[in-house]
Amino acid sequence: MRVATNCTIDIDLKNRAKINNLDFSECLTFGILFKLAEMSDLNYPPNKLNQKIKKMAERLQELAERLEKEEYEARISL
């Protein structure tokens, strides 16, 4: 079920959203879900930044594992 709601936003922000063809309902829904996730640090709504952060974390983890392995092998060869 959906419900209509009224709110106020800065006129410049409204104009930028309009120029970029942003859907207000979609943006409001995303914003509420994001703020709720911030409170619990769980269940962030899908977004490009989260995907980039996850990929970077995976790469950093792989790098840390590789460095750990190289350090271990260097200690063994001494």
C-alpha atoms as a PDB file:
ATOM      1  CA  MET A   1       0.000   0.000   0.000  1.00  0.00           C
ATOM      2  CA  ARG A   2       1.261   3.479  -0.799  1.00  0.00           C
ATOM      3  CA  VAL A   3       0.346   6.772   0.845  1.00  0.00           C
ATOM      4  CA  ALA A   4       0.645  10.381  -0.289  1.00  0.00           C
ATOM      5  CA  THR A   5       2.728  12.646   1.908  1.00  0.00           C
ATOM      6  CA  ASN A   6       3.630  16.322   1.948  1.00  0.00           C
ATOM      7  CA  CYS A   7       6.978  17.777   2.864  1.00  0.00           C
ATOM      8  CA  THR A   8       9.064  20.833   2.162  1.00  0.00           C
ATOM      9  CA  ILE A   9      12.504  20.960   0.568  1.00  0.00           C
ATOM     10  CA  ASP A  10      14.842  23.699  -0.561  1.00  0.00           C
ATOM     11  CA  ILE A  11      13.737  25.138  -3.927  1.00  0.00           C
ATOM     12  CA  ASP A  12      17.233  24.757  -5.412  1.00  0.00           C
ATOM     13  CA  LEU A  13      17.211  21.073  -4.512  1.00  0.00           C
ATOM     14  CA  LYS A  14      13.761  20.647  -6.063  1.00  0.00           C
ATOM     15  CA  ASN A  15      14.926  22.337  -9.248  1.00  0.00           C
ATOM     16  CA  ARG A  16      18.063  20.166  -9.452  1.00  0.00           C
ATOM     17  CA  ALA A  17      15.945  17.059  -8.983  1.00  0.00           C
ATOM     18  CA  LYS A  18      13.533  18.188 -11.682  1.00  0.00           C
ATOM     19  CA  ILE A  19      16.368  18.951 -14.130  1.00  0.00           C
ATOM     20  CA  ASN A  20      17.782  15.469 -13.527  1.00  0.00           C
ATOM     21  CA  ASN A  21      14.372  13.761 -13.826  1.00  0.00           C
ATOM     22  CA  LEU A  22      14.529  12.322 -10.314  1.00  0.00           C
ATOM     23  CA  ASP A  23      11.408  10.664  -8.954  1.00  0.00           C
ATOM     24  CA  PHE A  24      10.535  12.235  -5.585  1.00  0.00           C
ATOM     25  CA  SER A  25       8.847   9.116  -4.214  1.00  0.00           C
ATOM     26  CA  GLU A  26      11.843   6.971  -5.099  1.00  0.00           C
ATOM     27  CA  CYS A  27      14.257   9.506  -3.583  1.00  0.00           C
ATOM     28  CA  LEU A  28      12.240   9.856  -0.381  1.00  0.00           C
ATOM     29  CA  THR A  29      11.976   6.084  -0.017  1.00  0.00           C
ATOM     30  CA  PHE A  30      15.717   5.686  -0.559  1.00  0.00           C
ATOM     31  CA  GLY A  31      16.489   8.482   1.902  1.00  0.00           C
ATOM     32  CA  ILE A  32      14.322   6.990   4.640  1.00  0.00           C
ATOM     33  CA  LEU A  33      15.768   3.505   4.120  1.00  0.00           C
ATOM     34  CA  PHE A  34      19.293   4.932   4.178  1.00  0.00           C
ATOM     35  CA  LYS A  35      18.695   6.880   7.405  1.00  0.00           C
ATOM     36  CA  LEU A  36      17.186   3.786   9.059  1.00  0.00           C
ATOM     37  CA  ALA A  37      20.200   1.753   7.980  1.00  0.00           C
ATOM     38  CA  GLU A  38      22.531   4.412   9.383  1.00  0.00           C
ATOM     39  CA  MET A  39      20.845   4.042  12.758  1.00  0.00           C
ATOM     40  CA  SER A  40      21.364   0.279  12.885  1.00  0.00           C
ATOM     41  CA  ASP A  41      24.342  -0.013  10.506  1.00  0.00           C
ATOM     42  CA  LEU A  42      22.376  -2.729   8.688  1.00  0.00           C
ATOM     43  CA  ASN A  43      20.336  -3.178   5.525  1.00  0.00           C
ATOM     44  CA  TYR A  44      21.514  -0.226   3.463  1.00  0.00           C
ATOM     45  CA  PRO A  45      19.435   0.166   0.316  1.00  0.00           C
ATOM     46  CA  PRO A  46      21.242  -0.862  -2.877  1.00  0.00           C
ATOM     47  CA  ASN A  47      23.328   1.972  -4.290  1.00  0.00           C
ATOM     48  CA  LYS A  48      26.462   2.498  -6.362  1.00  0.00           C
ATOM     49  CA  LEU A  49      28.565   3.814  -3.481  1.00  0.00           C
ATOM     50  CA  ASN A  50      27.918   0.719  -1.380  1.00  0.00           C
ATOM     51  CA  GLN A  51      28.877  -1.478  -4.329  1.00  0.00           C
ATOM     52  CA  LYS A  52      32.144   0.452  -4.777  1.00  0.00           C
ATOM     53  CA  ILE A  53      32.911   0.208  -1.054  1.00  0.00           C
ATOM     54  CA  LYS A  54      32.281  -3.552  -1.056  1.00  0.00           C
ATOM     55  CA  LYS A  55      34.585  -4.035  -4.061  1.00  0.00           C
ATOM     56  CA  MET A  56      37.290  -1.911  -2.443  1.00  0.00           C
ATOM     57  CA  ALA A  57      36.985  -3.882   0.813  1.00  0.00           C
ATOM     58  CA  GLU A  58      37.320  -7.149  -1.113  1.00  0.00           C
ATOM     59  CA  ARG A  59      40.434  -5.855  -2.903  1.00  0.00           C
ATOM     60  CA  LEU A  60      41.954  -4.656   0.365  1.00  0.00           C
ATOM     61  CA  GLN A  61      41.256  -8.025   1.976  1.00  0.00           C
ATOM     62  CA  GLU A  62      42.915  -9.822  -0.941  1.00  0.00           C
ATOM     63  CA  LEU A  63      45.913  -7.499  -0.685  1.00  0.00           C
ATOM     64  CA  ALA A  64      46.212  -8.051   3.070  1.00  0.00           C
ATOM     65  CA  GLU A  65      46.082 -11.828   2.574  1.00  0.00           C
ATOM     66  CA  ARG A  66      48.707 -11.666  -0.168  1.00  0.00           C
ATOM     67  CA  LEU A  67      51.025  -9.521   1.968  1.00  0.00           C
ATOM     68  CA  GLU A  68      50.551 -11.830   4.928  1.00  0.00           C
ATOM     69  CA  LYS A  69      51.411 -14.827   2.742  1.00  0.00           C
ATOM     70  CA  GLU A  70      54.485 -13.077   1.331  1.00  0.00           C
ATOM     71  CA  GLU A  71      55.678 -12.124   4.836  1.00  0.00           C
ATOM     72  CA  TYR A  72      55.161 -15.709   6.005  1.00  0.00           C
ATOM     73  CA  GLU A  73      57.097 -17.087   3.038  1.00  0.00           C
ATOM     74  CA  ALA A  74      59.889 -14.562   3.629  1.00  0.00           C
ATOM     75  CA  ARG A  75      60.190 -15.660   7.270  1.00  0.00           C
ATOM     76  CA  ILE A  76      60.291 -19.342   6.273  1.00  0.00           C
ATOM     77  CA  SER A  77      63.040 -18.779   3.705  1.00  0.00           C
ATOM     78  CA  LEU A  78      65.349 -17.190   6.308  1.00  0.00           C
END
